[in-house]
């Protein structure tokens, strides 16, 4: 029976030769992740059902990233609780304050591997699909079941194929591609589907760019978003992979519920307008809107290549008066490399403020909370009303280059015009 990559992964994880969309399977989980927002609820649920130990501490990852460093006494208390939980259970894969965002830290440390099933108590867990695995977000209480048994039930999703061809032009990025796709498909256009990216254009997109694309799969309602593993994947994983892995690929005659094509050579910078991620327009159609804040970071675009792209736009120049530009490297590894390459120096010299590796302004519960009437342009993944602060504020989503160009001009700007 022909199967897609998503179906093959779920079949393997459930010990079956084949599965079909709509079937319910109980699947063995390879890696489970919690962070400091979702983790305390999982721990509480485990205590309520009387589970003393997680099923396999080597397969559990805990990251303190959303409120890191702690922003309140309650946040500090939750961090303390997770540290104690990790110690009781012998969980060595514990990444404390300052190590970075969970969706960057987990791949850097070799936990996102081709062919595997990964769950995280965070909706953007689909980011790991960039490595050819089935990765999806689950609820905190569902995670308690995983911690207790190492298994979870899934409904096998239908698969949707997105073919990417051509080559990106200067100052057009994978973030622009995924924004365009989200705008075309809609916020609920891929609900509970497994998106599979394919096509010759992918060979020219970096691991970081693929992570950006898969990260925002959930903004279309997708259960998972997957890029089949290739030489780009294998080069990244060399020296990182925690254990041996076995890539899987879709059969040539596998069935897809829908297909679409994207020509990278025709793409231009895109922007998601307030207050919906799928309200997408070319940047030039929105240019001129005054901004108060620019945020560069998050699990979507806080990687080294993102900081480099912004630094290229800003080097030797100054951010516009009245604009706050906040930068949060996605991990300590990214931070250190950006220091070595003097990327952060260029950003700071331009007037940016660099924070610690964390989710930072993305969730609106840490640095960079925006006030009533303010406008922020962000490289993150969500712009819902009140997401980054006041419900009376507005958030636009764009690429690192668009964020930097807009900070430079003090208004939304197409990066090709700088």
Protein backbone atom coordinates (compact mmCIF):
# COMPACT_ATOMS: atom_id res chain seq x y z
CA UNK A 1 0.00 0.00 0.00
CA UNK A 2 1.54 3.34 -1.06
CA UNK A 3 2.10 5.74 1.85
CA UNK A 4 3.26 9.29 2.45
CA UNK A 5 6.17 10.08 4.75
CA UNK A 6 3.77 11.00 7.57
CA UNK A 7 1.89 7.72 7.20
CA UNK A 8 5.12 5.70 7.17
CA UNK A 9 6.38 7.32 10.35
CA UNK A 10 3.11 6.67 12.18
CA UNK A 11 3.00 3.12 10.88
CA UNK A 12 6.50 2.42 12.18
CA UNK A 13 5.77 4.06 15.52
CA UNK A 14 2.61 2.00 15.98
CA UNK A 15 4.21 -1.28 14.94
CA UNK A 16 2.11 -1.65 11.80
CA UNK A 17 3.00 -2.31 8.18
CA UNK A 18 0.65 0.34 6.92
CA UNK A 19 -1.85 2.97 8.04
CA UNK A 20 -4.45 5.08 6.24
CA UNK A 21 -5.75 8.62 6.83
CA UNK A 22 -8.50 8.66 9.44
CA UNK A 23 -7.30 5.57 11.32
CA UNK A 24 -6.60 5.84 15.04
CA UNK A 25 -3.25 4.42 16.12
CA UNK A 26 -1.36 4.16 19.38
CA UNK A 27 2.18 5.21 18.58
CA UNK A 28 5.47 4.98 20.43
CA UNK A 29 7.02 8.41 20.92
CA UNK A 30 10.74 8.91 20.26
CA UNK A 31 11.20 12.29 21.97
CA UNK A 32 8.94 14.36 24.24
CA UNK A 33 9.56 18.02 25.10
CA UNK A 34 8.10 20.47 27.63
CA UNK A 35 8.96 24.08 28.39
CA UNK A 36 8.46 26.38 31.35
CA UNK A 37 4.94 27.42 30.32
CA UNK A 38 3.50 23.98 29.58
CA UNK A 39 5.72 21.80 31.75
CA UNK A 40 4.30 22.66 35.18
CA UNK A 41 0.84 21.54 34.05
CA UNK A 42 2.28 18.24 32.84
CA UNK A 43 4.06 17.66 36.14
CA UNK A 44 0.89 18.45 38.09
CA UNK A 45 -1.11 16.00 35.96
CA UNK A 46 1.49 13.26 36.54
CA UNK A 47 1.25 13.79 40.28
CA UNK A 48 -2.54 13.56 40.16
CA UNK A 49 -2.45 10.17 38.46
CA UNK A 50 0.26 8.93 40.81
CA UNK A 51 3.07 8.44 38.30
CA UNK A 52 6.43 8.69 40.05
CA UNK A 53 8.85 8.31 37.12
CA UNK A 54 8.83 9.17 33.41
CA UNK A 55 8.93 6.23 31.02
CA UNK A 56 12.43 7.02 29.67
CA UNK A 57 14.39 10.04 30.97
CA UNK A 58 16.79 9.90 28.01
CA UNK A 59 13.89 10.70 25.68
CA UNK A 60 12.54 13.66 27.66
CA UNK A 61 13.72 17.21 26.99
CA UNK A 62 12.93 20.20 29.24
CA UNK A 63 13.70 23.78 28.19
CA UNK A 64 13.21 26.99 30.18
CA UNK A 65 12.66 29.60 27.48
CA UNK A 66 9.33 31.46 27.58
CA UNK A 67 9.84 33.34 30.83
CA UNK A 68 13.60 33.22 30.94
CA UNK A 69 15.07 34.82 32.95
CA UNK A 70 12.00 34.67 35.22
CA UNK A 71 9.65 37.64 34.92
CA UNK A 72 7.75 37.07 38.15
CA UNK A 73 7.86 35.18 41.44
CA UNK A 74 5.43 32.66 39.96
CA UNK A 75 7.71 32.10 36.96
CA UNK A 76 10.65 31.54 39.33
CA UNK A 77 8.58 29.06 41.31
CA UNK A 78 7.73 27.11 38.16
CA UNK A 79 11.38 27.02 37.09
CA UNK A 80 12.32 25.66 40.51
CA UNK A 81 9.64 22.99 40.22
CA UNK A 82 10.88 21.83 36.81
CA UNK A 83 14.47 21.68 38.01
CA UNK A 84 13.38 19.46 40.90
CA UNK A 85 11.25 17.30 38.60
CA UNK A 86 14.22 16.78 36.27
CA UNK A 87 16.48 15.85 39.19
CA UNK A 88 13.96 13.36 40.63
CA UNK A 89 13.58 11.65 37.29
CA UNK A 90 17.21 11.65 36.23
CA UNK A 91 16.44 13.83 33.19
CA UNK A 92 19.81 14.98 31.85
CA UNK A 93 18.36 16.79 28.83
CA UNK A 94 17.53 19.87 30.90
CA UNK A 95 18.24 23.26 29.34
CA UNK A 96 18.11 26.02 31.90
CA UNK A 97 17.67 29.78 31.54
CA UNK A 98 19.86 31.23 28.82
CA UNK A 99 20.26 28.12 26.67
CA UNK A 100 17.64 29.33 24.22
CA UNK A 101 14.28 28.60 22.62
CA UNK A 102 13.10 24.99 22.79
CA UNK A 103 12.61 24.70 19.03
CA UNK A 104 16.21 25.75 18.38
CA UNK A 105 17.83 23.97 21.32
CA UNK A 106 16.28 20.57 20.61
CA UNK A 107 17.57 20.30 16.99
CA UNK A 108 20.97 21.76 17.90
CA UNK A 109 21.37 18.98 20.41
CA UNK A 110 20.49 16.24 17.96
CA UNK A 111 17.02 15.22 19.11
CA UNK A 112 15.19 16.01 15.84
CA UNK A 113 16.01 13.07 13.60
CA UNK A 114 14.61 11.76 10.29
CA UNK A 115 11.89 9.13 10.52
CA UNK A 116 11.08 9.72 14.17
CA UNK A 117 7.94 10.76 16.06
CA UNK A 118 8.38 13.80 18.29
CA UNK A 119 5.80 15.50 20.48
CA UNK A 120 6.11 18.75 22.36
CA UNK A 121 3.81 20.63 24.67
CA UNK A 122 4.05 23.65 22.40
CA UNK A 123 2.17 24.29 19.16
CA UNK A 124 5.31 25.11 17.16
CA UNK A 125 6.82 21.68 17.74
CA UNK A 126 6.10 21.14 14.04
CA UNK A 127 9.38 23.03 13.47
CA UNK A 128 11.30 19.74 13.79
CA UNK A 129 9.63 18.41 10.65
CA UNK A 130 12.42 20.26 8.83
CA UNK A 131 14.54 17.19 9.62
CA UNK A 132 12.23 14.64 8.02
CA UNK A 133 10.40 13.62 11.18
CA UNK A 134 6.75 13.76 12.24
CA UNK A 135 6.67 16.41 14.95
CA UNK A 136 3.54 17.86 16.48
CA UNK A 137 2.33 19.89 19.42
CA UNK A 138 0.14 18.30 22.07
CA UNK A 139 -1.58 19.45 25.25
CA UNK A 140 0.11 19.38 28.65
CA UNK A 141 -2.18 16.65 30.00
CA UNK A 142 -1.61 14.55 26.87
CA UNK A 143 2.08 14.98 27.58
CA UNK A 144 1.52 13.53 31.03
CA UNK A 145 0.25 10.37 29.33
CA UNK A 146 3.39 10.30 27.17
CA UNK A 147 5.65 10.79 30.17
CA UNK A 148 3.87 7.89 31.92
CA UNK A 149 3.74 5.40 29.04
CA UNK A 150 5.90 6.60 26.15
CA UNK A 151 2.88 6.33 23.88
CA UNK A 152 -0.02 8.43 22.59
CA UNK A 153 -2.92 7.91 20.23
CA UNK A 154 -3.07 9.76 16.92
CA UNK A 155 -5.54 10.04 14.10
CA UNK A 156 -3.54 9.51 10.93
CA UNK A 157 -3.74 12.82 9.02
CA UNK A 158 -4.36 13.33 5.35
CA UNK A 159 -1.27 14.66 3.57
CA UNK A 160 -0.95 17.81 1.49
CA UNK A 161 1.90 18.27 -0.98
CA UNK A 162 3.57 21.65 -1.55
CA UNK A 163 6.08 21.67 -4.42
CA UNK A 164 8.78 24.34 -4.18
CA UNK A 165 10.68 25.18 -7.37
CA UNK A 166 13.07 27.90 -8.51
CA UNK A 167 15.45 30.09 -6.53
CA UNK A 168 14.89 32.91 -4.05
CA UNK A 169 16.00 36.36 -5.18
CA UNK A 170 18.05 38.81 -3.11
CA UNK A 171 16.43 39.80 0.20
CA UNK A 172 13.57 37.37 -0.30
CA UNK A 173 13.59 34.53 2.23
CA UNK A 174 11.88 31.30 3.31
CA UNK A 175 9.86 33.44 5.76
CA UNK A 176 8.37 35.27 2.77
CA UNK A 177 7.59 31.91 1.19
CA UNK A 178 5.75 30.52 4.18
CA UNK A 179 3.86 33.78 4.74
CA UNK A 180 2.70 33.63 1.12
CA UNK A 181 1.63 29.99 1.55
CA UNK A 182 -0.24 30.74 4.79
CA UNK A 183 -1.99 33.63 3.07
CA UNK A 184 -3.01 31.46 0.12
CA UNK A 185 -4.05 28.39 2.14
CA UNK A 186 -5.69 30.25 5.03
CA UNK A 187 -5.50 29.84 8.80
CA UNK A 188 -7.68 26.71 8.67
CA UNK A 189 -6.90 25.52 5.15
CA UNK A 190 -4.68 22.65 6.27
CA UNK A 191 -6.45 21.68 9.47
CA UNK A 192 -5.16 18.34 10.80
CA UNK A 193 -3.21 17.70 7.62
CA UNK A 194 0.43 16.70 7.31
CA UNK A 195 2.08 19.17 4.95
CA UNK A 196 4.93 17.72 2.91
CA UNK A 197 7.30 20.13 1.20
CA UNK A 198 9.08 18.84 -1.87
CA UNK A 199 10.61 20.09 -5.11
CA UNK A 200 14.02 21.09 -6.48
CA UNK A 201 13.84 24.49 -4.81
CA UNK A 202 14.32 22.90 -1.39
CA UNK A 203 17.92 21.96 -2.15
CA UNK A 204 18.76 25.68 -2.11
CA UNK A 205 17.01 26.34 1.21
CA UNK A 206 19.06 25.95 4.38
CA UNK A 207 18.13 23.92 7.43
CA UNK A 208 17.22 27.19 9.14
CA UNK A 209 14.96 28.20 6.28
CA UNK A 210 13.26 24.80 6.36
CA UNK A 211 12.70 25.19 10.10
CA UNK A 212 11.04 28.55 9.46
CA UNK A 213 8.72 26.97 6.90
CA UNK A 214 7.76 24.00 9.08
CA UNK A 215 7.42 26.23 12.15
CA UNK A 216 4.50 28.08 10.59
CA UNK A 217 2.74 24.98 9.32
CA UNK A 218 0.56 25.15 12.42
CA UNK A 219 -0.57 28.64 11.37
CA UNK A 220 -2.51 26.85 8.61
CA UNK A 221 -3.91 24.37 11.10
CA UNK A 222 -1.53 21.57 10.10
CA UNK A 223 -0.84 18.63 12.39
CA UNK A 224 2.70 18.38 11.06
CA UNK A 225 4.91 19.92 8.37
CA UNK A 226 7.72 17.84 6.90
CA UNK A 227 10.72 18.31 4.62
CA UNK A 228 12.12 14.93 3.51
CA UNK A 229 15.69 14.41 4.72
CA UNK A 230 18.45 15.03 2.16
CA UNK A 231 22.15 15.91 2.07
CA UNK A 232 21.43 19.31 3.62
CA UNK A 233 19.81 17.51 6.56
CA UNK A 234 22.57 14.94 6.93
CA UNK A 235 25.31 17.58 6.94
CA UNK A 236 23.59 19.43 9.77
CA UNK A 237 23.07 16.27 11.81
CA UNK A 238 26.66 15.03 11.46
CA UNK A 239 28.16 15.16 14.93
CA UNK A 240 24.84 16.21 16.48
CA UNK A 241 22.51 13.21 16.20
CA UNK A 242 21.79 11.62 19.60
CA UNK A 243 21.39 8.16 18.14
CA UNK A 244 21.21 6.31 14.83
CA UNK A 245 18.26 7.18 12.64
CA UNK A 246 16.52 5.81 9.57
CA UNK A 247 15.03 8.31 7.08
CA UNK A 248 11.76 7.44 5.38
CA UNK A 249 10.31 8.85 2.18
CA UNK A 250 6.93 8.96 0.52
CA UNK A 251 6.15 6.40 -2.14
CA UNK A 252 6.04 7.80 -5.67
CA UNK A 253 2.37 6.83 -5.99
CA UNK A 254 1.29 8.00 -2.53
CA UNK A 255 -2.00 9.90 -2.35
CA UNK A 256 -2.38 13.53 -1.31
CA UNK A 257 -5.61 15.29 -0.49
CA UNK A 258 -4.32 18.50 -2.09
CA UNK A 259 -1.31 19.82 -3.98
CA UNK A 260 0.07 23.29 -4.69
CA UNK A 261 3.13 24.72 -6.42
CA UNK A 262 5.36 27.64 -5.42
CA UNK A 263 7.82 29.39 -7.77
CA UNK A 264 10.52 30.98 -5.63
CA UNK A 265 11.77 33.15 -8.49
CA UNK A 266 8.45 35.04 -8.58
CA UNK A 267 8.22 35.59 -4.83
CA UNK A 268 8.57 39.05 -3.26
CA UNK A 269 8.78 40.11 0.41
CA UNK A 270 5.55 39.40 2.27
CA UNK A 271 3.90 40.74 5.41
CA UNK A 272 1.12 39.42 7.65
CA UNK A 273 -1.15 42.27 8.74
CA UNK A 274 -2.87 42.63 12.12
CA UNK A 275 -4.49 40.65 13.59
CA UNK A 276 -4.37 37.46 11.52
CA UNK A 277 -1.41 35.43 10.28
CA UNK A 278 -3.20 34.63 7.02
CA UNK A 279 -3.93 38.29 6.21
CA UNK A 280 -0.88 38.47 3.95
CA UNK A 281 0.12 41.16 1.46
CA UNK A 282 3.32 42.06 -0.41
CA UNK A 283 5.38 44.44 1.72
CA UNK A 284 5.22 47.17 -0.92
CA UNK A 285 1.45 47.33 -0.58
CA UNK A 286 1.80 48.13 3.13
CA UNK A 287 4.96 50.25 3.01
CA UNK A 288 4.87 53.52 4.90
CA UNK A 289 3.09 52.39 8.07
CA UNK A 290 4.94 53.95 11.03
CA UNK A 291 6.39 51.55 13.60
CA UNK A 292 7.40 51.89 17.25
CA UNK A 293 9.16 48.56 17.72
CA UNK A 294 10.97 45.96 15.64
CA UNK A 295 11.62 42.47 17.00
CA UNK A 296 14.17 40.07 15.55
CA UNK A 297 14.15 36.62 17.10
CA UNK A 298 11.84 33.72 18.12
CA UNK A 299 11.75 30.06 17.08
CA UNK A 300 10.80 31.25 13.60
CA UNK A 301 13.66 33.62 12.82
CA UNK A 302 16.21 33.90 15.62
CA UNK A 303 18.93 31.79 14.00
CA UNK A 304 22.38 32.97 12.94
CA UNK A 305 21.43 33.39 9.29
CA UNK A 306 18.52 35.61 10.35
CA UNK A 307 20.75 37.85 12.45
CA UNK A 308 23.27 37.98 9.59
CA UNK A 309 20.58 39.04 7.12
CA UNK A 310 19.42 41.84 9.40
CA UNK A 311 23.01 42.96 10.02
CA UNK A 312 23.60 43.25 6.28
CA UNK A 313 20.69 45.67 6.04
CA UNK A 314 21.77 47.71 9.07
CA UNK A 315 25.56 47.69 8.83
CA UNK A 316 27.00 51.19 8.94
CA UNK A 317 23.59 52.75 9.44
CA UNK A 318 21.40 53.85 12.36
CA UNK A 319 17.93 52.72 13.39
CA UNK A 320 15.33 55.47 13.00
CA UNK A 321 14.77 57.76 16.02
CA UNK A 322 11.83 56.64 18.14
CA UNK A 323 12.12 52.98 17.11
CA UNK A 324 13.12 50.25 19.56
CA UNK A 325 14.76 47.27 17.89
CA UNK A 326 14.98 44.18 20.08
CA UNK A 327 17.12 41.19 19.16
CA UNK A 328 16.93 37.79 20.87
CA UNK A 329 19.26 35.07 19.51
CA UNK A 330 17.45 31.73 19.42
CA UNK A 331 20.10 29.91 21.45
CA UNK A 332 23.40 30.22 23.27
CA UNK A 333 25.06 28.55 20.28
CA UNK A 334 23.61 31.19 17.96
CA UNK A 335 24.55 33.97 20.40
CA UNK A 336 28.18 32.84 20.62
CA UNK A 337 28.57 32.43 16.87
CA UNK A 338 27.00 35.85 16.28
CA UNK A 339 29.52 37.30 18.74
CA UNK A 340 32.45 35.59 17.01
CA UNK A 341 31.36 36.85 13.62
CA UNK A 342 30.69 40.35 15.04
CA UNK A 343 27.09 40.17 13.85
CA UNK A 344 25.76 41.36 17.19
CA UNK A 345 28.27 44.20 17.16
CA UNK A 346 26.85 45.46 13.87
CA UNK A 347 23.30 45.26 15.22
CA UNK A 348 24.19 47.06 18.46
CA UNK A 349 26.15 49.74 16.60
CA UNK A 350 23.01 50.36 14.53
CA UNK A 351 21.05 50.92 17.74
CA UNK A 352 19.55 47.49 18.48
CA UNK A 353 19.09 46.07 21.98
CA UNK A 354 20.29 42.47 22.38
CA UNK A 355 18.58 40.25 24.95
CA UNK A 356 19.34 36.77 26.26
CA UNK A 357 18.50 33.67 24.21
CA UNK A 358 14.78 33.14 24.88
CA UNK A 359 11.31 33.55 23.39
CA UNK A 360 11.54 37.20 24.49
CA UNK A 361 9.01 39.55 22.89
CA UNK A 362 7.25 36.85 20.85
CA UNK A 363 4.81 35.77 23.55
CA UNK A 364 4.31 39.22 25.08
CA UNK A 365 5.14 38.00 28.56
CA UNK A 366 8.75 39.08 28.74
CA UNK A 367 10.77 41.94 27.28
CA UNK A 368 9.34 44.21 24.62
CA UNK A 369 5.70 44.38 25.67
CA UNK A 370 4.01 46.93 23.42
CA UNK A 371 1.56 49.50 24.68
CA UNK A 372 -1.80 50.86 23.48
CA UNK A 373 -1.68 52.21 19.94
CA UNK A 374 1.87 51.03 19.28
CA UNK A 375 2.94 49.17 16.15
CA UNK A 376 5.51 46.39 16.08
CA UNK A 377 7.02 44.57 13.13
CA UNK A 378 8.23 41.14 14.17
CA UNK A 379 10.06 38.15 12.70
CA UNK A 380 7.98 35.83 14.89
CA UNK A 381 5.01 33.67 13.90
CA UNK A 382 1.85 35.13 15.45
CA UNK A 383 0.21 38.54 15.45
CA UNK A 384 -3.10 37.91 17.23
CA UNK A 385 -4.64 40.84 19.06
CA UNK A 386 -2.86 41.21 22.41
CA UNK A 387 -0.17 38.67 21.49
CA UNK A 388 2.75 40.98 22.31
CA UNK A 389 1.08 43.27 24.82
CA UNK A 390 -1.84 45.66 24.61
CA UNK A 391 -4.91 44.50 22.65
CA UNK A 392 -4.90 48.01 21.24
CA UNK A 393 -1.47 47.50 19.66
CA UNK A 394 -0.77 46.11 16.19
CA UNK A 395 1.75 43.46 15.13
CA UNK A 396 2.97 42.89 11.57
CA UNK A 397 4.96 39.77 10.69
CA UNK A 398 7.82 39.81 8.21
CA UNK A 399 11.25 38.42 7.41
CA UNK A 400 14.43 39.45 9.24
CA UNK A 401 15.39 41.66 6.29
CA UNK A 402 11.97 43.35 6.32
CA UNK A 403 12.18 43.87 10.08
CA UNK A 404 15.64 45.43 9.79
CA UNK A 405 14.72 47.65 6.83
CA UNK A 406 11.62 48.86 8.64
CA UNK A 407 13.61 49.65 11.79
CA UNK A 408 16.05 51.61 9.67
CA UNK A 409 13.37 53.75 8.04
CA UNK A 410 10.98 53.91 11.02
CA UNK A 411 8.18 52.60 8.83
CA UNK A 412 7.32 49.36 7.08
CA UNK A 413 9.80 49.05 4.23
CA UNK A 414 10.52 46.57 1.46
CA UNK A 415 14.09 45.42 2.18
CA UNK A 416 14.92 45.63 -1.51
CA UNK A 417 14.45 49.40 -1.29
CA UNK A 418 17.17 49.89 1.31
